[in-house]
Amino acid sequence: MTISLLVCFYNTALGQVADSNAIFLMSKGEWDCPVSKFTSATLSPKDTGSSDFNPDSKEILFVSDSAYEVRSVYPGKIIFADVYNDSLFIIISKHGGYFTVYSALGKLSVKNGDKIKVGEKIGYMSKESEKKYTLFLGLYMKEKEIESFTFLGPPPNLRW
């Protein structure tokens, strides 16, 4: 009896991961923008002299003139939401074997374990300088970073 229950649970869990992976892959090229307004969205980062500069990064850098709300791009589960780099926050949401990383946030609106829907508020952009606020958005398959613009396509028309 115990073995049957474990096998059933294991198969159900595998099915959920497969379903999450399929949903994530089916949405390739279709996504909701994480911010309501931005002045630029570029492959990130441009070398700003930051010690965090990574020339191989495949993230998207959103820049705006205000600390707009950041909303989830995909449904998922928050597996990490905490401070890093002294005063900035990072959120990692999981979708099967895929992950969405929102980094350089100024404030969080979610916590570890929360389930999120598309377009749900998860935090706010961080202030980099006077009238310049930023958000980094990255996609990963397991530990491998995915070229975000290639997978997502250009920033969409806002749908929320």
N, C-alpha and C. Protein backbone atom coordinates (compact mmCIF):
# COMPACT_ATOMS: atom_id res chain seq x y z
N MET A 1 0.82 -1.20 0.00
CA MET A 1 0.00 0.00 0.00
C MET A 1 0.87 1.26 0.00
N THR A 2 1.88 1.30 0.87
CA THR A 2 2.76 2.46 0.95
C THR A 2 3.49 2.69 -0.36
N ILE A 3 3.99 1.61 -0.96
CA ILE A 3 4.71 1.73 -2.23
C ILE A 3 3.78 2.26 -3.31
N SER A 4 2.54 1.78 -3.35
CA SER A 4 1.58 2.25 -4.35
C SER A 4 1.32 3.75 -4.20
N LEU A 5 1.20 4.21 -2.96
CA LEU A 5 0.97 5.63 -2.72
C LEU A 5 2.17 6.46 -3.16
N LEU A 6 3.38 5.97 -2.86
CA LEU A 6 4.58 6.69 -3.27
C LEU A 6 4.69 6.76 -4.79
N VAL A 7 4.42 5.65 -5.47
CA VAL A 7 4.48 5.63 -6.93
C VAL A 7 3.45 6.59 -7.51
N CYS A 8 2.24 6.58 -6.94
CA CYS A 8 1.19 7.49 -7.41
C CYS A 8 1.61 8.95 -7.20
N PHE A 9 2.16 9.25 -6.01
CA PHE A 9 2.62 10.62 -5.74
C PHE A 9 3.74 11.01 -6.69
N TYR A 10 4.69 10.10 -6.90
CA TYR A 10 5.83 10.37 -7.78
C TYR A 10 5.35 10.63 -9.21
N ASN A 11 4.45 9.80 -9.71
CA ASN A 11 3.93 9.98 -11.07
C ASN A 11 3.13 11.29 -11.19
N THR A 12 2.38 11.63 -10.16
CA THR A 12 1.64 12.89 -10.16
C THR A 12 2.60 14.06 -10.19
N ALA A 13 3.65 14.00 -9.38
CA ALA A 13 4.64 15.09 -9.35
C ALA A 13 5.33 15.21 -10.70
N LEU A 14 5.69 14.09 -11.31
CA LEU A 14 6.32 14.14 -12.63
C LEU A 14 5.37 14.74 -13.66
N GLY A 15 4.10 14.39 -13.58
CA GLY A 15 3.12 14.95 -14.50
C GLY A 15 2.98 16.44 -14.34
N GLN A 16 3.03 16.93 -13.09
CA GLN A 16 2.93 18.36 -12.86
C GLN A 16 4.14 19.09 -13.43
N VAL A 17 5.33 18.51 -13.27
CA VAL A 17 6.54 19.14 -13.83
C VAL A 17 6.45 19.15 -15.35
N ALA A 18 6.02 18.04 -15.94
CA ALA A 18 5.89 17.97 -17.40
C ALA A 18 4.87 19.00 -17.88
N ASP A 19 3.72 19.11 -17.16
CA ASP A 19 2.71 20.08 -17.55
C ASP A 19 3.25 21.50 -17.45
N SER A 20 3.98 21.81 -16.36
CA SER A 20 4.56 23.14 -16.19
C SER A 20 5.56 23.44 -17.29
N ASN A 21 6.40 22.47 -17.63
CA ASN A 21 7.36 22.65 -18.72
C ASN A 21 6.64 22.91 -20.03
N ALA A 22 5.60 22.14 -20.31
CA ALA A 22 4.85 22.29 -21.56
C ALA A 22 4.21 23.67 -21.65
N ILE A 23 3.61 24.12 -20.55
CA ILE A 23 2.97 25.44 -20.55
C ILE A 23 4.01 26.53 -20.79
N PHE A 24 5.17 26.41 -20.12
CA PHE A 24 6.23 27.39 -20.29
C PHE A 24 6.70 27.42 -21.74
N LEU A 25 6.94 26.25 -22.32
CA LEU A 25 7.43 26.18 -23.71
C LEU A 25 6.37 26.64 -24.71
N MET A 26 5.10 26.35 -24.45
CA MET A 26 4.03 26.76 -25.37
C MET A 26 3.88 28.28 -25.39
N SER A 27 4.32 28.94 -24.32
CA SER A 27 4.17 30.40 -24.26
C SER A 27 5.36 31.12 -24.87
N LYS A 28 6.26 30.39 -25.52
CA LYS A 28 7.43 31.01 -26.15
C LYS A 28 6.97 32.11 -27.11
N GLY A 29 7.53 33.31 -26.94
CA GLY A 29 7.19 34.43 -27.80
C GLY A 29 5.95 35.19 -27.37
N GLU A 30 5.24 34.68 -26.36
CA GLU A 30 4.04 35.35 -25.85
C GLU A 30 4.23 35.57 -24.36
N TRP A 31 4.30 36.80 -23.96
CA TRP A 31 4.52 37.08 -22.55
C TRP A 31 3.95 38.43 -22.17
N ASP A 32 3.69 38.61 -20.91
CA ASP A 32 3.24 39.88 -20.36
C ASP A 32 4.45 40.63 -19.85
N CYS A 33 4.53 41.89 -20.16
CA CYS A 33 5.64 42.72 -19.73
C CYS A 33 5.62 42.85 -18.20
N PRO A 34 6.77 42.77 -17.54
CA PRO A 34 6.77 42.85 -16.08
C PRO A 34 6.57 44.26 -15.52
N VAL A 35 6.69 45.29 -16.35
CA VAL A 35 6.48 46.68 -15.88
C VAL A 35 5.52 47.39 -16.82
N SER A 36 4.74 48.32 -16.27
CA SER A 36 3.72 48.99 -17.07
C SER A 36 4.29 50.05 -18.01
N LYS A 37 5.48 50.56 -17.68
CA LYS A 37 6.09 51.59 -18.52
C LYS A 37 7.61 51.48 -18.38
N PHE A 38 8.30 51.64 -19.51
CA PHE A 38 9.76 51.65 -19.46
C PHE A 38 10.29 52.52 -20.58
N THR A 39 11.48 53.06 -20.37
CA THR A 39 12.09 53.90 -21.39
C THR A 39 12.98 53.08 -22.31
N SER A 40 13.49 51.94 -21.80
CA SER A 40 14.26 51.04 -22.65
C SER A 40 14.21 49.62 -22.10
N ALA A 41 14.36 48.66 -23.01
CA ALA A 41 14.47 47.25 -22.66
C ALA A 41 15.55 46.69 -23.58
N THR A 42 16.69 46.35 -23.00
CA THR A 42 17.83 45.91 -23.78
C THR A 42 18.41 44.63 -23.22
N LEU A 43 19.18 43.94 -24.07
CA LEU A 43 19.92 42.79 -23.57
C LEU A 43 20.89 43.34 -22.55
N SER A 44 20.99 42.72 -21.44
CA SER A 44 21.70 43.27 -20.31
C SER A 44 22.97 42.48 -20.04
N PRO A 45 23.87 43.01 -19.26
CA PRO A 45 23.92 44.42 -18.95
C PRO A 45 24.90 45.14 -19.85
N LYS A 46 24.68 46.40 -20.01
CA LYS A 46 25.70 47.23 -20.62
C LYS A 46 26.74 47.44 -19.53
N ASP A 47 27.97 47.54 -19.85
CA ASP A 47 29.00 47.69 -18.83
C ASP A 47 28.90 49.07 -18.21
N THR A 48 28.38 49.09 -17.00
CA THR A 48 28.22 50.35 -16.28
C THR A 48 29.32 50.55 -15.24
N GLY A 49 30.31 49.66 -15.27
CA GLY A 49 31.38 49.74 -14.29
C GLY A 49 31.03 49.02 -13.00
N SER A 50 29.87 48.41 -12.94
CA SER A 50 29.44 47.70 -11.75
C SER A 50 30.31 46.47 -11.52
N SER A 51 30.51 46.13 -10.26
CA SER A 51 31.29 44.92 -9.95
C SER A 51 30.49 43.67 -10.31
N ASP A 52 29.17 43.82 -10.51
CA ASP A 52 28.31 42.69 -10.89
C ASP A 52 28.24 42.50 -12.40
N PHE A 53 28.99 43.30 -13.17
CA PHE A 53 28.93 43.22 -14.62
C PHE A 53 29.30 41.82 -15.11
N ASN A 54 28.47 41.27 -15.97
CA ASN A 54 28.70 39.96 -16.57
C ASN A 54 28.49 40.09 -18.07
N PRO A 55 29.57 40.09 -18.87
CA PRO A 55 29.42 40.29 -20.31
C PRO A 55 28.68 39.14 -21.00
N ASP A 56 28.53 38.00 -20.33
CA ASP A 56 27.83 36.87 -20.93
C ASP A 56 26.36 36.78 -20.51
N SER A 57 25.87 37.77 -19.80
CA SER A 57 24.50 37.75 -19.32
C SER A 57 23.51 37.73 -20.49
N LYS A 58 22.41 37.01 -20.29
CA LYS A 58 21.36 36.93 -21.30
C LYS A 58 20.06 37.51 -20.77
N GLU A 59 20.14 38.31 -19.72
CA GLU A 59 18.97 38.93 -19.12
C GLU A 59 18.51 40.14 -19.93
N ILE A 60 17.29 40.57 -19.65
CA ILE A 60 16.76 41.81 -20.21
C ILE A 60 16.81 42.87 -19.11
N LEU A 61 17.32 44.03 -19.45
CA LEU A 61 17.36 45.16 -18.52
C LEU A 61 16.26 46.14 -18.89
N PHE A 62 15.32 46.36 -17.97
CA PHE A 62 14.28 47.35 -18.15
C PHE A 62 14.69 48.60 -17.38
N VAL A 63 14.58 49.77 -18.01
CA VAL A 63 14.90 51.04 -17.38
C VAL A 63 13.66 51.93 -17.48
N SER A 64 13.35 52.64 -16.40
CA SER A 64 12.21 53.55 -16.41
C SER A 64 12.55 54.81 -15.61
N ASP A 65 11.61 55.74 -15.59
CA ASP A 65 11.82 56.99 -14.86
C ASP A 65 11.11 57.01 -13.51
N SER A 66 10.54 55.87 -13.10
CA SER A 66 9.84 55.77 -11.83
C SER A 66 9.89 54.33 -11.32
N ALA A 67 9.64 54.15 -10.03
CA ALA A 67 9.68 52.80 -9.43
C ALA A 67 8.35 52.09 -9.67
N TYR A 68 8.13 51.66 -10.90
CA TYR A 68 6.89 50.99 -11.24
C TYR A 68 6.80 49.62 -10.59
N GLU A 69 5.54 49.15 -10.44
CA GLU A 69 5.32 47.78 -9.95
C GLU A 69 5.93 46.80 -10.92
N VAL A 70 6.44 45.70 -10.38
CA VAL A 70 6.93 44.59 -11.20
C VAL A 70 5.90 43.47 -11.07
N ARG A 71 5.47 42.95 -12.21
CA ARG A 71 4.46 41.89 -12.24
C ARG A 71 5.05 40.62 -12.86
N SER A 72 4.51 39.49 -12.44
CA SER A 72 5.04 38.21 -12.91
C SER A 72 4.77 38.03 -14.41
N VAL A 73 5.74 37.45 -15.07
CA VAL A 73 5.67 37.19 -16.50
C VAL A 73 4.98 35.85 -16.76
N TYR A 74 5.21 34.89 -15.88
CA TYR A 74 4.64 33.54 -15.98
C TYR A 74 4.07 33.11 -14.64
N PRO A 75 3.09 32.20 -14.65
CA PRO A 75 2.62 31.65 -13.37
C PRO A 75 3.70 30.73 -12.81
N GLY A 76 3.75 30.59 -11.50
CA GLY A 76 4.73 29.70 -10.91
C GLY A 76 4.70 29.76 -9.40
N LYS A 77 5.75 29.24 -8.80
CA LYS A 77 5.90 29.22 -7.35
C LYS A 77 7.19 29.96 -7.00
N ILE A 78 7.11 30.85 -6.02
CA ILE A 78 8.29 31.59 -5.57
C ILE A 78 9.16 30.65 -4.75
N ILE A 79 10.38 30.39 -5.24
CA ILE A 79 11.29 29.52 -4.49
C ILE A 79 12.36 30.33 -3.77
N PHE A 80 12.51 31.61 -4.13
CA PHE A 80 13.46 32.47 -3.44
C PHE A 80 13.01 33.91 -3.59
N ALA A 81 12.89 34.60 -2.47
CA ALA A 81 12.56 36.02 -2.47
C ALA A 81 13.26 36.63 -1.26
N ASP A 82 14.36 37.33 -1.52
CA ASP A 82 15.14 37.84 -0.40
C ASP A 82 16.10 38.93 -0.87
N VAL A 83 16.78 39.52 0.09
CA VAL A 83 17.75 40.58 -0.21
C VAL A 83 19.06 39.96 -0.71
N TYR A 84 19.73 40.67 -1.59
CA TYR A 84 21.09 40.33 -2.02
C TYR A 84 21.79 41.65 -2.28
N ASN A 85 23.06 41.65 -2.31
CA ASN A 85 23.82 42.86 -2.62
C ASN A 85 23.43 44.04 -1.72
N ASP A 86 23.34 43.79 -0.42
CA ASP A 86 23.06 44.78 0.63
C ASP A 86 21.64 45.32 0.65
N SER A 87 21.17 45.93 -0.43
CA SER A 87 19.85 46.58 -0.35
C SER A 87 18.92 46.24 -1.51
N LEU A 88 19.34 45.41 -2.44
CA LEU A 88 18.49 45.04 -3.57
C LEU A 88 17.91 43.65 -3.33
N PHE A 89 16.78 43.39 -3.99
CA PHE A 89 16.10 42.12 -3.81
C PHE A 89 16.09 41.31 -5.10
N ILE A 90 15.96 39.99 -4.93
CA ILE A 90 15.86 39.09 -6.07
C ILE A 90 14.70 38.12 -5.81
N ILE A 91 13.99 37.78 -6.87
CA ILE A 91 12.90 36.80 -6.80
C ILE A 91 13.18 35.74 -7.85
N ILE A 92 13.04 34.48 -7.45
CA ILE A 92 13.15 33.37 -8.40
C ILE A 92 11.84 32.60 -8.33
N SER A 93 11.17 32.49 -9.49
CA SER A 93 9.95 31.68 -9.54
C SER A 93 10.22 30.47 -10.42
N LYS A 94 9.58 29.36 -10.05
CA LYS A 94 9.81 28.09 -10.73
C LYS A 94 8.57 27.69 -11.52
N HIS A 95 8.82 27.14 -12.72
CA HIS A 95 7.76 26.64 -13.60
C HIS A 95 8.26 25.29 -14.13
N GLY A 96 8.03 24.21 -13.42
CA GLY A 96 8.59 22.91 -13.81
C GLY A 96 10.10 22.96 -13.72
N GLY A 97 10.79 22.68 -14.83
CA GLY A 97 12.25 22.73 -14.85
C GLY A 97 12.79 24.09 -15.29
N TYR A 98 11.92 25.08 -15.42
CA TYR A 98 12.31 26.42 -15.84
C TYR A 98 12.17 27.40 -14.68
N PHE A 99 12.96 28.48 -14.74
CA PHE A 99 12.95 29.49 -13.70
C PHE A 99 12.95 30.88 -14.32
N THR A 100 12.23 31.80 -13.68
CA THR A 100 12.28 33.21 -14.05
C THR A 100 12.92 33.95 -12.88
N VAL A 101 13.92 34.78 -13.20
CA VAL A 101 14.63 35.53 -12.17
C VAL A 101 14.38 37.02 -12.39
N TYR A 102 13.88 37.67 -11.35
CA TYR A 102 13.65 39.11 -11.35
C TYR A 102 14.67 39.67 -10.36
N SER A 103 15.61 40.47 -10.82
CA SER A 103 16.64 40.95 -9.90
C SER A 103 16.77 42.46 -9.92
N ALA A 104 17.46 42.96 -8.91
CA ALA A 104 17.65 44.40 -8.67
C ALA A 104 16.31 45.07 -8.35
N LEU A 105 15.49 44.39 -7.58
CA LEU A 105 14.22 44.97 -7.14
C LEU A 105 14.46 45.88 -5.93
N GLY A 106 13.65 46.92 -5.82
CA GLY A 106 13.76 47.83 -4.68
C GLY A 106 12.92 47.39 -3.50
N LYS A 107 11.85 46.61 -3.76
CA LYS A 107 10.94 46.18 -2.71
C LYS A 107 10.22 44.93 -3.18
N LEU A 108 9.94 44.01 -2.25
CA LEU A 108 9.23 42.77 -2.56
C LEU A 108 7.77 42.84 -2.13
N SER A 109 6.91 42.11 -2.87
CA SER A 109 5.50 41.98 -2.51
C SER A 109 5.11 40.52 -2.34
N VAL A 110 6.08 39.60 -2.46
CA VAL A 110 5.83 38.17 -2.31
C VAL A 110 6.85 37.59 -1.35
N LYS A 111 6.60 36.33 -0.95
CA LYS A 111 7.54 35.64 -0.07
C LYS A 111 7.75 34.21 -0.58
N ASN A 112 8.76 33.55 -0.06
CA ASN A 112 9.05 32.17 -0.43
C ASN A 112 7.80 31.31 -0.26
N GLY A 113 7.54 30.46 -1.26
CA GLY A 113 6.41 29.54 -1.21
C GLY A 113 5.13 30.07 -1.84
N ASP A 114 5.04 31.37 -2.09
CA ASP A 114 3.83 31.93 -2.72
C ASP A 114 3.66 31.38 -4.13
N LYS A 115 2.42 31.10 -4.49
CA LYS A 115 2.09 30.76 -5.87
C LYS A 115 1.62 32.04 -6.54
N ILE A 116 2.14 32.28 -7.74
CA ILE A 116 1.81 33.53 -8.43
C ILE A 116 1.16 33.25 -9.78
N LYS A 117 0.36 34.21 -10.21
CA LYS A 117 -0.31 34.15 -11.51
C LYS A 117 0.35 35.16 -12.43
N VAL A 118 0.10 35.03 -13.71
CA VAL A 118 0.59 36.01 -14.68
C VAL A 118 0.01 37.38 -14.34
N GLY A 119 0.87 38.40 -14.32
CA GLY A 119 0.44 39.76 -14.07
C GLY A 119 0.28 40.12 -12.60
N GLU A 120 0.58 39.18 -11.70
CA GLU A 120 0.47 39.46 -10.27
C GLU A 120 1.64 40.33 -9.81
N LYS A 121 1.34 41.32 -8.96
CA LYS A 121 2.39 42.20 -8.44
C LYS A 121 3.32 41.39 -7.54
N ILE A 122 4.64 41.48 -7.84
CA ILE A 122 5.62 40.75 -7.03
C ILE A 122 6.63 41.70 -6.36
N GLY A 123 6.69 42.96 -6.80
CA GLY A 123 7.63 43.90 -6.20
C GLY A 123 7.65 45.21 -6.96
N TYR A 124 8.74 45.98 -6.75
CA TYR A 124 8.91 47.28 -7.39
C TYR A 124 10.33 47.40 -7.94
N MET A 125 10.46 48.18 -9.00
CA MET A 125 11.78 48.45 -9.58
C MET A 125 12.65 49.19 -8.57
N SER A 126 13.96 49.04 -8.70
CA SER A 126 14.88 49.71 -7.77
C SER A 126 15.41 51.01 -8.37
N LYS A 127 15.76 51.92 -7.49
CA LYS A 127 16.30 53.21 -7.92
C LYS A 127 17.80 53.05 -8.10
N GLU A 128 18.26 53.32 -9.33
CA GLU A 128 19.69 53.25 -9.61
C GLU A 128 20.32 54.63 -9.46
N SER A 129 19.61 55.65 -9.90
CA SER A 129 20.07 57.03 -9.77
C SER A 129 18.85 57.94 -9.89
N GLU A 130 19.06 59.23 -9.82
CA GLU A 130 17.94 60.17 -9.94
C GLU A 130 17.21 59.93 -11.26
N LYS A 131 15.91 59.64 -11.18
CA LYS A 131 15.05 59.42 -12.35
C LYS A 131 15.45 58.20 -13.18
N LYS A 132 16.18 57.23 -12.58
CA LYS A 132 16.51 56.01 -13.30
C LYS A 132 16.25 54.80 -12.39
N TYR A 133 15.31 53.98 -12.81
CA TYR A 133 14.92 52.79 -12.06
C TYR A 133 15.12 51.58 -12.96
N THR A 134 15.50 50.45 -12.36
CA THR A 134 15.85 49.29 -13.18
C THR A 134 15.22 47.99 -12.68
N LEU A 135 15.16 47.04 -13.60
CA LEU A 135 14.74 45.67 -13.32
C LEU A 135 15.49 44.77 -14.30
N PHE A 136 16.04 43.67 -13.81
CA PHE A 136 16.65 42.67 -14.66
C PHE A 136 15.73 41.46 -14.68
N LEU A 137 15.49 40.91 -15.87
CA LEU A 137 14.64 39.74 -16.04
C LEU A 137 15.45 38.66 -16.77
N GLY A 138 15.57 37.50 -16.15
CA GLY A 138 16.32 36.41 -16.76
C GLY A 138 15.54 35.11 -16.74
N LEU A 139 15.81 34.24 -17.70
CA LEU A 139 15.17 32.93 -17.80
C LEU A 139 16.24 31.85 -17.74
N TYR A 140 15.91 30.76 -17.06
CA TYR A 140 16.84 29.64 -16.91
C TYR A 140 16.12 28.32 -17.12
N MET A 141 16.83 27.37 -17.71
CA MET A 141 16.36 26.00 -17.79
C MET A 141 17.34 25.22 -16.93
N LYS A 142 16.87 24.75 -15.79
CA LYS A 142 17.73 24.17 -14.75
C LYS A 142 18.75 25.23 -14.39
N GLU A 143 20.05 24.99 -14.54
CA GLU A 143 21.04 26.01 -14.18
C GLU A 143 21.53 26.79 -15.39
N LYS A 144 21.01 26.50 -16.58
CA LYS A 144 21.50 27.14 -17.79
C LYS A 144 20.66 28.37 -18.14
N GLU A 145 21.33 29.51 -18.32
CA GLU A 145 20.62 30.73 -18.68
C GLU A 145 20.17 30.66 -20.14
N ILE A 146 18.96 31.10 -20.39
CA ILE A 146 18.37 31.12 -21.73
C ILE A 146 18.47 32.55 -22.26
N GLU A 147 18.73 32.70 -23.54
CA GLU A 147 18.73 34.03 -24.17
C GLU A 147 17.31 34.58 -24.08
N SER A 148 17.10 35.55 -23.18
CA SER A 148 15.74 36.02 -22.86
C SER A 148 14.99 36.60 -24.05
N PHE A 149 15.62 37.50 -24.80
CA PHE A 149 14.93 38.09 -25.96
C PHE A 149 14.61 37.03 -27.01
N THR A 150 15.50 36.07 -27.21
CA THR A 150 15.24 35.01 -28.19
C THR A 150 14.03 34.19 -27.79
N PHE A 151 13.94 33.83 -26.50
CA PHE A 151 12.82 33.01 -26.04
C PHE A 151 11.53 33.83 -25.96
N LEU A 152 11.62 35.01 -25.38
CA LEU A 152 10.42 35.81 -25.13
C LEU A 152 9.93 36.59 -26.35
N GLY A 153 10.87 37.03 -27.16
CA GLY A 153 10.52 37.93 -28.26
C GLY A 153 10.59 39.36 -27.77
N PRO A 154 10.23 40.33 -28.60
CA PRO A 154 10.30 41.75 -28.18
C PRO A 154 9.28 42.01 -27.07
N PRO A 155 9.50 43.08 -26.29
CA PRO A 155 8.52 43.41 -25.25
C PRO A 155 7.13 43.52 -25.85
N PRO A 156 6.15 42.88 -25.20
CA PRO A 156 4.78 42.82 -25.74
C PRO A 156 4.00 44.07 -25.50
N ASN A 157 2.85 44.13 -26.16
CA ASN A 157 1.85 45.14 -25.80
C ASN A 157 1.40 44.77 -24.40
N LEU A 158 1.19 45.72 -23.58
CA LEU A 158 0.79 45.44 -22.21
C LEU A 158 -0.61 44.86 -22.20
N ARG A 159 -0.79 43.80 -21.41
CA ARG A 159 -2.08 43.12 -21.37
C ARG A 159 -2.74 43.21 -20.01
N TRP A 160 -2.22 44.01 -19.10
CA TRP A 160 -2.89 44.16 -17.80
C TRP A 160 -2.94 45.59 -17.40
